[in-house]
Amino acid sequence: MKKLYLHPLPVRIWHWINAVSFVVLIVTGLQIRYREFLGLMKFRDAVDVHNFFGFLIIFNFFLWLVYYIVTGKIKIYIPPLSIKKFVLGCIRQARYYGYGIFLGEENPHHSSPDNKFNPMQQIAYLSIMVVLIPLQLWTGLLLWDIKGFASWIDMFGGIKIVDTVHVFLFLFFTSFLFVHVYLATLGHTATEHIKAMFTGYEEIEEHVH
């Protein structure tokens, strides 16, 4: 085994701000939505905390966008242009996740600073970062000031549509969080990938590179 510097400091800082913010937004969102059943905090406090971390995650998203575009790292999210290569890569990775991993087979994808994600991760993360997160942030912003953004809300079909989209995306990201944590335990050890998001270094097999 040797260590590979896979996660630069700005990426790690962005990741953990995002992680903490998502957890807080989920908890406070549940408190706001189900205030009759949950007593985690006062409703007004839940709204204030939710709004604060909502704006924090918006700011954090734009930092991510600028950093990845300026450094050219945005390309790690782009799937192969060859459809055949992309489909075959997804099939190999799906087989590994669903079958090979239980037989102790080697992961068909070997991460590097310029090729961090396998094809399945690329299409998933690209969809999340370019479509779903911006949509979640935008609907959250509209709900933050219903009167001020009334014209925009009407343009999207009304408050019920905006609220429904925001809630469905909340359910998606809550589910995704569990999947993400599970996948993070699939390294050489259960904590390898998690440690790498603190140290920046990940262990790889010598023969891979």
N, C-alpha and C. Protein backbone atom coordinates (compact mmCIF):
# COMPACT_ATOMS: atom_id res chain seq x y z
N MET A 1 0.83 -1.21 0.00
CA MET A 1 0.00 0.00 0.00
C MET A 1 0.87 1.26 0.00
N LYS A 2 0.41 2.28 -0.69
CA LYS A 2 1.04 3.58 -0.60
C LYS A 2 -0.04 4.64 -0.51
N LYS A 3 0.32 5.81 -0.03
CA LYS A 3 -0.66 6.87 0.16
C LYS A 3 -0.70 7.79 -1.05
N LEU A 4 -1.93 8.16 -1.43
CA LEU A 4 -2.15 9.07 -2.55
C LEU A 4 -2.92 10.28 -2.04
N TYR A 5 -2.42 11.48 -2.36
CA TYR A 5 -3.10 12.70 -1.94
C TYR A 5 -4.27 12.94 -2.88
N LEU A 6 -5.46 12.56 -2.42
CA LEU A 6 -6.63 12.54 -3.29
C LEU A 6 -7.57 13.71 -3.08
N HIS A 7 -7.62 14.25 -1.86
CA HIS A 7 -8.59 15.30 -1.53
C HIS A 7 -7.88 16.56 -1.03
N PRO A 8 -7.73 17.58 -1.86
CA PRO A 8 -7.10 18.84 -1.43
C PRO A 8 -7.87 19.48 -0.28
N LEU A 9 -7.20 20.33 0.47
CA LEU A 9 -7.81 20.97 1.64
C LEU A 9 -9.11 21.71 1.32
N PRO A 10 -9.18 22.52 0.25
CA PRO A 10 -10.45 23.21 -0.04
C PRO A 10 -11.61 22.25 -0.24
N VAL A 11 -11.33 21.10 -0.86
CA VAL A 11 -12.38 20.10 -1.09
C VAL A 11 -12.85 19.50 0.22
N ARG A 12 -11.91 19.22 1.11
CA ARG A 12 -12.27 18.65 2.41
C ARG A 12 -13.07 19.64 3.25
N ILE A 13 -12.68 20.90 3.25
CA ILE A 13 -13.43 21.91 3.99
C ILE A 13 -14.84 22.03 3.44
N TRP A 14 -14.95 22.10 2.11
CA TRP A 14 -16.27 22.19 1.47
C TRP A 14 -17.11 20.98 1.84
N HIS A 15 -16.52 19.79 1.79
CA HIS A 15 -17.25 18.56 2.06
C HIS A 15 -17.85 18.55 3.46
N TRP A 16 -17.05 18.92 4.47
CA TRP A 16 -17.54 18.83 5.85
C TRP A 16 -18.53 19.94 6.20
N ILE A 17 -18.34 21.13 5.59
CA ILE A 17 -19.35 22.19 5.77
C ILE A 17 -20.67 21.72 5.17
N ASN A 18 -20.58 21.10 4.00
CA ASN A 18 -21.77 20.57 3.34
C ASN A 18 -22.44 19.49 4.18
N ALA A 19 -21.63 18.58 4.71
CA ALA A 19 -22.16 17.46 5.49
C ALA A 19 -22.90 17.95 6.73
N VAL A 20 -22.24 18.83 7.49
CA VAL A 20 -22.86 19.36 8.71
C VAL A 20 -24.12 20.15 8.37
N SER A 21 -24.05 20.95 7.32
CA SER A 21 -25.20 21.77 6.93
C SER A 21 -26.38 20.91 6.53
N PHE A 22 -26.12 19.84 5.78
CA PHE A 22 -27.20 18.95 5.35
C PHE A 22 -27.89 18.31 6.54
N VAL A 23 -27.10 17.85 7.51
CA VAL A 23 -27.68 17.20 8.68
C VAL A 23 -28.55 18.20 9.46
N VAL A 24 -28.03 19.41 9.66
CA VAL A 24 -28.79 20.43 10.40
C VAL A 24 -30.06 20.81 9.64
N LEU A 25 -29.96 20.94 8.33
CA LEU A 25 -31.14 21.29 7.52
C LEU A 25 -32.19 20.18 7.57
N ILE A 26 -31.75 18.94 7.58
CA ILE A 26 -32.69 17.82 7.67
C ILE A 26 -33.42 17.84 9.01
N VAL A 27 -32.65 18.01 10.10
CA VAL A 27 -33.24 18.00 11.44
C VAL A 27 -34.19 19.18 11.62
N THR A 28 -33.74 20.37 11.27
CA THR A 28 -34.60 21.56 11.44
C THR A 28 -35.78 21.52 10.47
N GLY A 29 -35.57 20.95 9.28
CA GLY A 29 -36.67 20.82 8.33
C GLY A 29 -37.76 19.91 8.86
N LEU A 30 -37.34 18.82 9.51
CA LEU A 30 -38.32 17.93 10.14
C LEU A 30 -39.07 18.64 11.26
N GLN A 31 -38.34 19.44 12.05
CA GLN A 31 -38.97 20.18 13.14
C GLN A 31 -39.99 21.20 12.61
N ILE A 32 -39.65 21.86 11.51
CA ILE A 32 -40.55 22.84 10.91
C ILE A 32 -41.78 22.15 10.32
N ARG A 33 -41.55 21.04 9.64
CA ARG A 33 -42.64 20.33 8.97
C ARG A 33 -43.56 19.63 9.97
N TYR A 34 -42.99 19.07 11.01
CA TYR A 34 -43.77 18.28 11.99
C TYR A 34 -43.65 18.87 13.38
N ARG A 35 -43.93 20.15 13.49
CA ARG A 35 -43.76 20.83 14.77
C ARG A 35 -44.74 20.33 15.83
N GLU A 36 -45.86 19.73 15.39
CA GLU A 36 -46.84 19.22 16.37
C GLU A 36 -46.34 17.94 17.05
N PHE A 37 -45.41 17.23 16.37
CA PHE A 37 -44.97 15.94 16.89
C PHE A 37 -43.55 15.98 17.47
N LEU A 38 -42.72 16.86 16.98
CA LEU A 38 -41.33 16.94 17.45
C LEU A 38 -41.16 18.11 18.41
N GLY A 39 -40.32 17.91 19.40
CA GLY A 39 -40.06 18.98 20.36
C GLY A 39 -38.57 19.22 20.52
N LEU A 40 -37.85 19.16 19.39
CA LEU A 40 -36.40 19.31 19.45
C LEU A 40 -36.00 20.74 19.79
N MET A 41 -36.78 21.69 19.32
CA MET A 41 -36.51 23.10 19.58
C MET A 41 -37.77 23.90 19.26
N LYS A 42 -37.77 25.15 19.63
CA LYS A 42 -38.91 26.01 19.33
C LYS A 42 -39.01 26.21 17.82
N PHE A 43 -40.24 26.38 17.35
CA PHE A 43 -40.47 26.53 15.91
C PHE A 43 -39.67 27.70 15.33
N ARG A 44 -39.70 28.84 16.01
CA ARG A 44 -39.00 30.02 15.51
C ARG A 44 -37.50 29.79 15.45
N ASP A 45 -36.97 29.09 16.47
CA ASP A 45 -35.55 28.76 16.48
C ASP A 45 -35.20 27.82 15.32
N ALA A 46 -36.08 26.86 15.07
CA ALA A 46 -35.85 25.92 13.98
C ALA A 46 -35.80 26.65 12.63
N VAL A 47 -36.71 27.61 12.45
CA VAL A 47 -36.75 28.39 11.21
C VAL A 47 -35.46 29.21 11.06
N ASP A 48 -35.04 29.87 12.15
CA ASP A 48 -33.84 30.70 12.09
C ASP A 48 -32.59 29.87 11.79
N VAL A 49 -32.46 28.72 12.45
CA VAL A 49 -31.30 27.85 12.22
C VAL A 49 -31.34 27.29 10.80
N HIS A 50 -32.52 26.91 10.35
CA HIS A 50 -32.69 26.38 9.00
C HIS A 50 -32.28 27.43 7.96
N ASN A 51 -32.72 28.66 8.16
CA ASN A 51 -32.37 29.73 7.22
C ASN A 51 -30.87 30.00 7.22
N PHE A 52 -30.26 30.02 8.41
CA PHE A 52 -28.82 30.29 8.49
C PHE A 52 -28.02 29.25 7.72
N PHE A 53 -28.31 27.98 7.98
CA PHE A 53 -27.55 26.92 7.31
C PHE A 53 -27.95 26.81 5.83
N GLY A 54 -29.16 27.25 5.49
CA GLY A 54 -29.55 27.30 4.09
C GLY A 54 -28.67 28.27 3.31
N PHE A 55 -28.47 29.45 3.87
CA PHE A 55 -27.61 30.44 3.21
C PHE A 55 -26.15 30.01 3.24
N LEU A 56 -25.75 29.31 4.31
CA LEU A 56 -24.38 28.80 4.38
C LEU A 56 -24.12 27.80 3.27
N ILE A 57 -25.09 26.93 3.02
CA ILE A 57 -24.89 25.91 1.99
C ILE A 57 -24.96 26.51 0.58
N ILE A 58 -25.72 27.60 0.42
CA ILE A 58 -25.72 28.33 -0.86
C ILE A 58 -24.34 28.92 -1.11
N PHE A 59 -23.80 29.59 -0.09
CA PHE A 59 -22.46 30.18 -0.20
C PHE A 59 -21.42 29.09 -0.48
N ASN A 60 -21.54 27.97 0.23
CA ASN A 60 -20.61 26.86 0.07
C ASN A 60 -20.69 26.26 -1.33
N PHE A 61 -21.90 26.22 -1.89
CA PHE A 61 -22.08 25.68 -3.23
C PHE A 61 -21.35 26.53 -4.27
N PHE A 62 -21.46 27.85 -4.13
CA PHE A 62 -20.80 28.72 -5.09
C PHE A 62 -19.29 28.68 -4.93
N LEU A 63 -18.81 28.47 -3.71
CA LEU A 63 -17.37 28.26 -3.52
C LEU A 63 -16.92 27.00 -4.25
N TRP A 64 -17.70 25.93 -4.12
CA TRP A 64 -17.39 24.68 -4.82
C TRP A 64 -17.35 24.91 -6.32
N LEU A 65 -18.37 25.59 -6.84
CA LEU A 65 -18.48 25.81 -8.28
C LEU A 65 -17.29 26.60 -8.82
N VAL A 66 -16.95 27.70 -8.14
CA VAL A 66 -15.83 28.52 -8.58
C VAL A 66 -14.52 27.75 -8.50
N TYR A 67 -14.31 27.04 -7.38
CA TYR A 67 -13.06 26.29 -7.20
C TYR A 67 -12.90 25.22 -8.27
N TYR A 68 -13.94 24.45 -8.54
CA TYR A 68 -13.84 23.36 -9.50
C TYR A 68 -13.72 23.85 -10.94
N ILE A 69 -14.34 24.99 -11.25
CA ILE A 69 -14.21 25.53 -12.60
C ILE A 69 -12.83 26.15 -12.81
N VAL A 70 -12.38 26.96 -11.85
CA VAL A 70 -11.09 27.65 -11.97
C VAL A 70 -9.94 26.66 -12.04
N THR A 71 -10.00 25.61 -11.22
CA THR A 71 -8.91 24.63 -11.17
C THR A 71 -9.03 23.57 -12.27
N GLY A 72 -10.15 23.54 -12.96
CA GLY A 72 -10.35 22.53 -13.99
C GLY A 72 -10.77 21.17 -13.44
N LYS A 73 -10.96 21.09 -12.13
CA LYS A 73 -11.33 19.82 -11.52
C LYS A 73 -12.77 19.41 -11.82
N ILE A 74 -13.54 20.30 -12.42
CA ILE A 74 -14.93 19.99 -12.74
C ILE A 74 -15.00 18.78 -13.68
N LYS A 75 -13.90 18.52 -14.41
CA LYS A 75 -13.90 17.41 -15.37
C LYS A 75 -14.03 16.05 -14.70
N ILE A 76 -13.72 15.96 -13.39
CA ILE A 76 -13.84 14.66 -12.72
C ILE A 76 -15.29 14.24 -12.59
N TYR A 77 -16.23 15.19 -12.77
CA TYR A 77 -17.65 14.88 -12.70
C TYR A 77 -18.23 14.50 -14.07
N ILE A 78 -17.45 14.69 -15.13
CA ILE A 78 -17.97 14.48 -16.48
C ILE A 78 -17.76 13.03 -16.91
N PRO A 79 -18.84 12.29 -17.21
CA PRO A 79 -18.71 10.90 -17.65
C PRO A 79 -17.98 10.81 -18.99
N PRO A 80 -17.46 9.64 -19.34
CA PRO A 80 -16.78 9.47 -20.63
C PRO A 80 -17.69 9.85 -21.80
N LEU A 81 -17.11 10.48 -22.82
CA LEU A 81 -17.91 10.87 -23.98
C LEU A 81 -18.36 9.65 -24.78
N SER A 82 -17.60 8.57 -24.68
CA SER A 82 -17.97 7.34 -25.36
C SER A 82 -19.11 6.66 -24.59
N ILE A 83 -20.27 6.54 -25.24
CA ILE A 83 -21.42 5.90 -24.58
C ILE A 83 -21.10 4.46 -24.24
N LYS A 84 -20.42 3.76 -25.14
CA LYS A 84 -20.07 2.36 -24.91
C LYS A 84 -19.19 2.23 -23.68
N LYS A 85 -18.17 3.09 -23.58
CA LYS A 85 -17.26 3.05 -22.43
C LYS A 85 -18.00 3.36 -21.14
N PHE A 86 -18.91 4.34 -21.19
CA PHE A 86 -19.67 4.72 -20.01
C PHE A 86 -20.59 3.58 -19.55
N VAL A 87 -21.33 2.99 -20.49
CA VAL A 87 -22.26 1.91 -20.15
C VAL A 87 -21.52 0.70 -19.60
N LEU A 88 -20.42 0.30 -20.26
CA LEU A 88 -19.65 -0.85 -19.79
C LEU A 88 -19.06 -0.57 -18.41
N GLY A 89 -18.62 0.67 -18.19
CA GLY A 89 -18.07 1.04 -16.88
C GLY A 89 -19.14 0.96 -15.80
N CYS A 90 -20.35 1.40 -16.12
CA CYS A 90 -21.46 1.32 -15.15
C CYS A 90 -21.82 -0.12 -14.84
N ILE A 91 -21.82 -0.98 -15.87
CA ILE A 91 -22.15 -2.39 -15.67
C ILE A 91 -21.11 -3.06 -14.78
N ARG A 92 -19.82 -2.79 -15.06
CA ARG A 92 -18.75 -3.37 -14.23
C ARG A 92 -18.87 -2.91 -12.79
N GLN A 93 -19.16 -1.62 -12.61
CA GLN A 93 -19.24 -1.08 -11.25
C GLN A 93 -20.47 -1.61 -10.52
N ALA A 94 -21.59 -1.72 -11.23
CA ALA A 94 -22.81 -2.24 -10.62
C ALA A 94 -22.62 -3.71 -10.22
N ARG A 95 -21.93 -4.46 -11.07
CA ARG A 95 -21.65 -5.86 -10.74
C ARG A 95 -20.80 -5.95 -9.48
N TYR A 96 -19.82 -5.04 -9.38
CA TYR A 96 -18.95 -5.06 -8.21
C TYR A 96 -19.74 -4.74 -6.94
N TYR A 97 -20.56 -3.70 -6.98
CA TYR A 97 -21.35 -3.31 -5.81
C TYR A 97 -22.36 -4.39 -5.41
N GLY A 98 -22.96 -5.03 -6.41
CA GLY A 98 -24.01 -5.99 -6.12
C GLY A 98 -23.56 -7.41 -5.92
N TYR A 99 -22.31 -7.72 -6.37
CA TYR A 99 -21.87 -9.12 -6.33
C TYR A 99 -20.40 -9.28 -5.96
N GLY A 100 -19.54 -8.63 -6.74
CA GLY A 100 -18.10 -8.82 -6.57
C GLY A 100 -17.56 -8.45 -5.21
N ILE A 101 -18.10 -7.39 -4.63
CA ILE A 101 -17.59 -6.92 -3.34
C ILE A 101 -17.76 -7.99 -2.25
N PHE A 102 -18.81 -8.80 -2.38
CA PHE A 102 -19.07 -9.84 -1.37
C PHE A 102 -18.16 -11.05 -1.54
N LEU A 103 -17.47 -11.13 -2.69
CA LEU A 103 -16.53 -12.21 -2.93
C LEU A 103 -15.09 -11.76 -2.74
N GLY A 104 -14.93 -10.50 -2.30
CA GLY A 104 -13.59 -9.97 -2.07
C GLY A 104 -12.88 -9.55 -3.34
N GLU A 105 -13.63 -9.34 -4.43
CA GLU A 105 -13.01 -8.92 -5.69
C GLU A 105 -12.51 -7.48 -5.58
N GLU A 106 -11.56 -7.14 -6.43
CA GLU A 106 -10.99 -5.79 -6.45
C GLU A 106 -11.95 -4.83 -7.13
N ASN A 107 -12.06 -3.62 -6.59
CA ASN A 107 -12.89 -2.58 -7.20
C ASN A 107 -12.36 -2.29 -8.61
N PRO A 108 -13.22 -2.35 -9.64
CA PRO A 108 -12.75 -2.11 -11.01
C PRO A 108 -12.30 -0.67 -11.25
N HIS A 109 -12.70 0.23 -10.36
CA HIS A 109 -12.28 1.64 -10.50
C HIS A 109 -11.20 1.96 -9.49
N HIS A 110 -10.13 2.58 -9.97
CA HIS A 110 -9.03 2.99 -9.10
C HIS A 110 -8.93 4.52 -9.12
N SER A 111 -9.21 5.12 -7.99
CA SER A 111 -9.26 6.58 -7.92
C SER A 111 -7.89 7.22 -8.07
N SER A 112 -7.87 8.38 -8.68
CA SER A 112 -6.68 9.21 -8.78
C SER A 112 -7.14 10.66 -8.71
N PRO A 113 -6.25 11.62 -8.49
CA PRO A 113 -6.68 13.03 -8.40
C PRO A 113 -7.47 13.50 -9.62
N ASP A 114 -7.16 12.96 -10.81
CA ASP A 114 -7.84 13.38 -12.03
C ASP A 114 -8.96 12.44 -12.45
N ASN A 115 -9.16 11.36 -11.69
CA ASN A 115 -10.18 10.38 -12.04
C ASN A 115 -10.75 9.78 -10.76
N LYS A 116 -11.37 10.63 -9.95
CA LYS A 116 -11.78 10.23 -8.60
C LYS A 116 -13.00 9.32 -8.59
N PHE A 117 -13.91 9.51 -9.56
CA PHE A 117 -15.20 8.83 -9.50
C PHE A 117 -15.36 7.80 -10.60
N ASN A 118 -16.01 6.69 -10.27
CA ASN A 118 -16.35 5.71 -11.29
C ASN A 118 -17.54 6.24 -12.09
N PRO A 119 -17.88 5.62 -13.24
CA PRO A 119 -18.95 6.15 -14.09
C PRO A 119 -20.29 6.32 -13.38
N MET A 120 -20.64 5.39 -12.50
CA MET A 120 -21.90 5.52 -11.76
C MET A 120 -21.88 6.73 -10.84
N GLN A 121 -20.76 6.94 -10.18
CA GLN A 121 -20.62 8.11 -9.31
C GLN A 121 -20.65 9.40 -10.12
N GLN A 122 -20.01 9.39 -11.28
CA GLN A 122 -19.96 10.59 -12.11
C GLN A 122 -21.36 11.05 -12.51
N ILE A 123 -22.18 10.14 -13.02
CA ILE A 123 -23.51 10.54 -13.47
C ILE A 123 -24.39 10.93 -12.29
N ALA A 124 -24.19 10.25 -11.15
CA ALA A 124 -24.99 10.56 -9.96
C ALA A 124 -24.60 11.92 -9.40
N TYR A 125 -23.29 12.14 -9.20
CA TYR A 125 -22.83 13.40 -8.61
C TYR A 125 -23.04 14.57 -9.55
N LEU A 126 -22.90 14.34 -10.86
CA LEU A 126 -23.13 15.42 -11.82
C LEU A 126 -24.60 15.86 -11.75
N SER A 127 -25.51 14.90 -11.70
CA SER A 127 -26.94 15.22 -11.61
C SER A 127 -27.25 15.96 -10.32
N ILE A 128 -26.64 15.51 -9.23
CA ILE A 128 -26.89 16.12 -7.93
C ILE A 128 -26.34 17.54 -7.87
N MET A 129 -25.09 17.72 -8.30
CA MET A 129 -24.43 19.02 -8.15
C MET A 129 -24.93 20.06 -9.17
N VAL A 130 -25.33 19.61 -10.35
CA VAL A 130 -25.70 20.56 -11.41
C VAL A 130 -27.20 20.79 -11.47
N VAL A 131 -28.00 19.81 -11.04
CA VAL A 131 -29.46 19.93 -11.16
C VAL A 131 -30.16 19.96 -9.80
N LEU A 132 -29.97 18.91 -9.02
CA LEU A 132 -30.78 18.74 -7.82
C LEU A 132 -30.45 19.71 -6.70
N ILE A 133 -29.17 19.90 -6.39
CA ILE A 133 -28.81 20.86 -5.34
C ILE A 133 -29.21 22.28 -5.72
N PRO A 134 -28.90 22.76 -6.94
CA PRO A 134 -29.37 24.10 -7.30
C PRO A 134 -30.89 24.24 -7.20
N LEU A 135 -31.63 23.19 -7.58
CA LEU A 135 -33.09 23.25 -7.49
C LEU A 135 -33.55 23.29 -6.04
N GLN A 136 -32.88 22.53 -5.18
CA GLN A 136 -33.21 22.55 -3.76
C GLN A 136 -32.92 23.91 -3.14
N LEU A 137 -31.77 24.48 -3.50
CA LEU A 137 -31.40 25.78 -2.96
C LEU A 137 -32.34 26.87 -3.47
N TRP A 138 -32.71 26.79 -4.74
CA TRP A 138 -33.59 27.80 -5.32
C TRP A 138 -34.98 27.76 -4.71
N THR A 139 -35.55 26.55 -4.56
CA THR A 139 -36.88 26.45 -3.95
C THR A 139 -36.84 26.87 -2.48
N GLY A 140 -35.73 26.57 -1.81
CA GLY A 140 -35.58 27.00 -0.42
C GLY A 140 -35.53 28.51 -0.31
N LEU A 141 -34.85 29.14 -1.26
CA LEU A 141 -34.75 30.60 -1.27
C LEU A 141 -36.12 31.23 -1.52
N LEU A 142 -36.90 30.64 -2.41
CA LEU A 142 -38.25 31.15 -2.68
C LEU A 142 -39.14 31.04 -1.45
N LEU A 143 -39.02 29.93 -0.73
CA LEU A 143 -39.83 29.72 0.48
C LEU A 143 -39.37 30.61 1.63
N TRP A 144 -38.13 31.04 1.59
CA TRP A 144 -37.60 31.93 2.64
C TRP A 144 -38.30 33.28 2.63
N ASP A 145 -38.65 33.77 1.43
CA ASP A 145 -39.33 35.07 1.32
C ASP A 145 -40.45 34.95 0.29
N ILE A 146 -41.57 34.41 0.73
CA ILE A 146 -42.68 34.12 -0.18
C ILE A 146 -43.22 35.39 -0.84
N LYS A 147 -43.34 36.47 -0.06
CA LYS A 147 -43.85 37.72 -0.61
C LYS A 147 -42.86 38.34 -1.59
N GLY A 148 -41.60 38.37 -1.20
CA GLY A 148 -40.58 38.99 -2.05
C GLY A 148 -40.39 38.26 -3.37
N PHE A 149 -40.58 36.94 -3.36
CA PHE A 149 -40.38 36.15 -4.57
C PHE A 149 -41.71 35.65 -5.14
N ALA A 150 -42.78 36.38 -4.85
CA ALA A 150 -44.11 35.95 -5.28
C ALA A 150 -44.20 35.73 -6.79
N SER A 151 -43.59 36.63 -7.56
CA SER A 151 -43.66 36.49 -9.03
C SER A 151 -42.92 35.24 -9.51
N TRP A 152 -41.79 34.95 -8.88
CA TRP A 152 -41.04 33.75 -9.24
C TRP A 152 -41.82 32.50 -8.84
N ILE A 153 -42.44 32.53 -7.69
CA ILE A 153 -43.23 31.39 -7.22
C ILE A 153 -44.39 31.12 -8.17
N ASP A 154 -45.05 32.18 -8.60
CA ASP A 154 -46.15 32.03 -9.56
C ASP A 154 -45.63 31.45 -10.88
N MET A 155 -44.44 31.86 -11.28
CA MET A 155 -43.84 31.37 -12.52
C MET A 155 -43.61 29.86 -12.46
N PHE A 156 -43.31 29.35 -11.24
CA PHE A 156 -43.05 27.92 -11.07
C PHE A 156 -44.32 27.13 -10.78
N GLY A 157 -45.47 27.79 -10.80
CA GLY A 157 -46.73 27.07 -10.63
C GLY A 157 -47.41 27.27 -9.29
N GLY A 158 -46.87 28.14 -8.45
CA GLY A 158 -47.51 28.41 -7.17
C GLY A 158 -46.76 27.82 -5.99
N ILE A 159 -47.15 28.24 -4.80
CA ILE A 159 -46.45 27.87 -3.58
C ILE A 159 -46.50 26.37 -3.34
N LYS A 160 -47.61 25.70 -3.70
CA LYS A 160 -47.73 24.26 -3.46
C LYS A 160 -46.72 23.48 -4.30
N ILE A 161 -46.50 23.92 -5.52
CA ILE A 161 -45.52 23.25 -6.39
C ILE A 161 -44.12 23.43 -5.84
N VAL A 162 -43.79 24.67 -5.50
CA VAL A 162 -42.45 24.96 -4.97
C VAL A 162 -42.20 24.18 -3.69
N ASP A 163 -43.18 24.18 -2.80
CA ASP A 163 -43.04 23.46 -1.53
C ASP A 163 -42.92 21.95 -1.74
N THR A 164 -43.71 21.41 -2.67
CA THR A 164 -43.66 19.97 -2.95
C THR A 164 -42.30 19.57 -3.51
N VAL A 165 -41.77 20.36 -4.43
CA VAL A 165 -40.45 20.08 -4.99
C VAL A 165 -39.39 20.11 -3.88
N HIS A 166 -39.48 21.11 -3.02
CA HIS A 166 -38.51 21.25 -1.93
C HIS A 166 -38.57 20.04 -0.99
N VAL A 167 -39.78 19.59 -0.67
CA VAL A 167 -39.95 18.46 0.25
C VAL A 167 -39.49 17.15 -0.39
N PHE A 168 -39.82 16.93 -1.67
CA PHE A 168 -39.39 15.71 -2.34
C PHE A 168 -37.86 15.64 -2.44
N LEU A 169 -37.25 16.79 -2.71
CA LEU A 169 -35.78 16.82 -2.76
C LEU A 169 -35.19 16.61 -1.38
N PHE A 170 -35.87 17.11 -0.35
CA PHE A 170 -35.45 16.85 1.03
C PHE A 170 -35.46 15.36 1.32
N LEU A 171 -36.50 14.65 0.88
CA LEU A 171 -36.58 13.21 1.07
C LEU A 171 -35.49 12.49 0.30
N PHE A 172 -35.22 12.97 -0.92
CA PHE A 172 -34.17 12.36 -1.73
C PHE A 172 -32.80 12.51 -1.06
N PHE A 173 -32.48 13.73 -0.62
CA PHE A 173 -31.17 13.98 -0.03
C PHE A 173 -31.01 13.27 1.32
N THR A 174 -32.10 13.11 2.06
CA THR A 174 -32.05 12.35 3.30
C THR A 174 -31.69 10.90 3.01
N SER A 175 -32.33 10.33 1.99
CA SER A 175 -32.03 8.95 1.59
C SER A 175 -30.61 8.84 1.05
N PHE A 176 -30.22 9.82 0.24
CA PHE A 176 -28.89 9.81 -0.35
C PHE A 176 -27.80 9.86 0.71
N LEU A 177 -28.07 10.56 1.80
CA LEU A 177 -27.09 10.67 2.87
C LEU A 177 -26.74 9.29 3.44
N PHE A 178 -27.76 8.45 3.62
CA PHE A 178 -27.52 7.09 4.12
C PHE A 178 -26.73 6.26 3.11
N VAL A 179 -27.08 6.39 1.84
CA VAL A 179 -26.38 5.65 0.78
C VAL A 179 -24.92 6.12 0.70
N HIS A 180 -24.73 7.42 0.79
CA HIS A 180 -23.39 8.00 0.72
C HIS A 180 -22.49 7.50 1.85
N VAL A 181 -23.04 7.46 3.05
CA VAL A 181 -22.27 6.97 4.21
C VAL A 181 -21.94 5.49 4.02
N TYR A 182 -22.92 4.72 3.52
CA TYR A 182 -22.66 3.28 3.28
C TYR A 182 -21.53 3.09 2.27
N LEU A 183 -21.60 3.81 1.15
CA LEU A 183 -20.56 3.68 0.13
C LEU A 183 -19.19 4.12 0.65
N ALA A 184 -19.20 5.05 1.60
CA ALA A 184 -17.94 5.53 2.18
C ALA A 184 -17.26 4.46 3.02
N THR A 185 -17.97 3.40 3.35
CA THR A 185 -17.38 2.32 4.16
C THR A 185 -16.83 1.19 3.30
N LEU A 186 -16.83 1.35 1.98
CA LEU A 186 -16.44 0.26 1.08
C LEU A 186 -14.99 0.34 0.62
N GLY A 187 -14.13 0.93 1.41
CA GLY A 187 -12.71 0.97 1.07
C GLY A 187 -12.00 -0.29 1.54
N HIS A 188 -10.65 -0.22 1.61
CA HIS A 188 -9.88 -1.37 2.10
C HIS A 188 -10.28 -1.69 3.54
N THR A 189 -10.63 -0.64 4.28
CA THR A 189 -11.21 -0.81 5.61
C THR A 189 -12.49 0.03 5.65
N ALA A 190 -13.31 -0.18 6.67
CA ALA A 190 -14.59 0.52 6.75
C ALA A 190 -14.41 2.02 6.95
N THR A 191 -13.25 2.44 7.44
CA THR A 191 -13.05 3.86 7.74
C THR A 191 -12.05 4.55 6.80
N GLU A 192 -11.53 3.81 5.82
CA GLU A 192 -10.48 4.36 4.96
C GLU A 192 -10.91 5.62 4.23
N HIS A 193 -12.06 5.56 3.55
CA HIS A 193 -12.53 6.71 2.78
C HIS A 193 -12.89 7.88 3.70
N ILE A 194 -13.43 7.57 4.87
CA ILE A 194 -13.81 8.62 5.82
C ILE A 194 -12.57 9.33 6.35
N LYS A 195 -11.55 8.56 6.71
CA LYS A 195 -10.30 9.16 7.18
C LYS A 195 -9.69 10.05 6.10
N ALA A 196 -9.80 9.61 4.85
CA ALA A 196 -9.20 10.37 3.74
C ALA A 196 -9.83 11.75 3.61
N MET A 197 -11.10 11.89 4.01
CA MET A 197 -11.75 13.19 3.93
C MET A 197 -11.32 14.11 5.07
N PHE A 198 -10.54 13.58 6.01
CA PHE A 198 -9.93 14.41 7.05
C PHE A 198 -8.47 14.70 6.72
N THR A 199 -7.76 13.68 6.26
CA THR A 199 -6.31 13.82 6.03
C THR A 199 -5.96 14.22 4.60
N GLY A 200 -6.84 13.87 3.65
CA GLY A 200 -6.56 14.13 2.24
C GLY A 200 -5.91 12.94 1.56
N TYR A 201 -5.34 12.02 2.35
CA TYR A 201 -4.60 10.88 1.79
C TYR A 201 -5.43 9.60 1.86
N GLU A 202 -5.33 8.83 0.77
CA GLU A 202 -6.01 7.54 0.73
C GLU A 202 -5.01 6.46 0.35
N GLU A 203 -5.14 5.30 0.95
CA GLU A 203 -4.23 4.19 0.66
C GLU A 203 -4.66 3.49 -0.63
N ILE A 204 -3.69 3.20 -1.48
CA ILE A 204 -3.95 2.47 -2.72
C ILE A 204 -2.94 1.35 -2.83
N GLU A 205 -3.27 0.34 -3.64
CA GLU A 205 -2.36 -0.77 -3.84
C GLU A 205 -1.25 -0.35 -4.80
N GLU A 206 -0.04 -0.79 -4.53
CA GLU A 206 1.14 -0.39 -5.29
C GLU A 206 1.01 -0.72 -6.78
N HIS A 207 0.44 -1.90 -7.09
CA HIS A 207 0.44 -2.34 -8.49
C HIS A 207 -0.56 -1.57 -9.36
N VAL A 208 -1.48 -0.82 -8.70
CA VAL A 208 -2.51 -0.10 -9.46
C VAL A 208 -1.89 1.01 -10.27
N HIS A 209 -0.89 1.66 -9.71
CA HIS A 209 -0.25 2.78 -10.40
C HIS A 209 1.16 2.39 -10.79
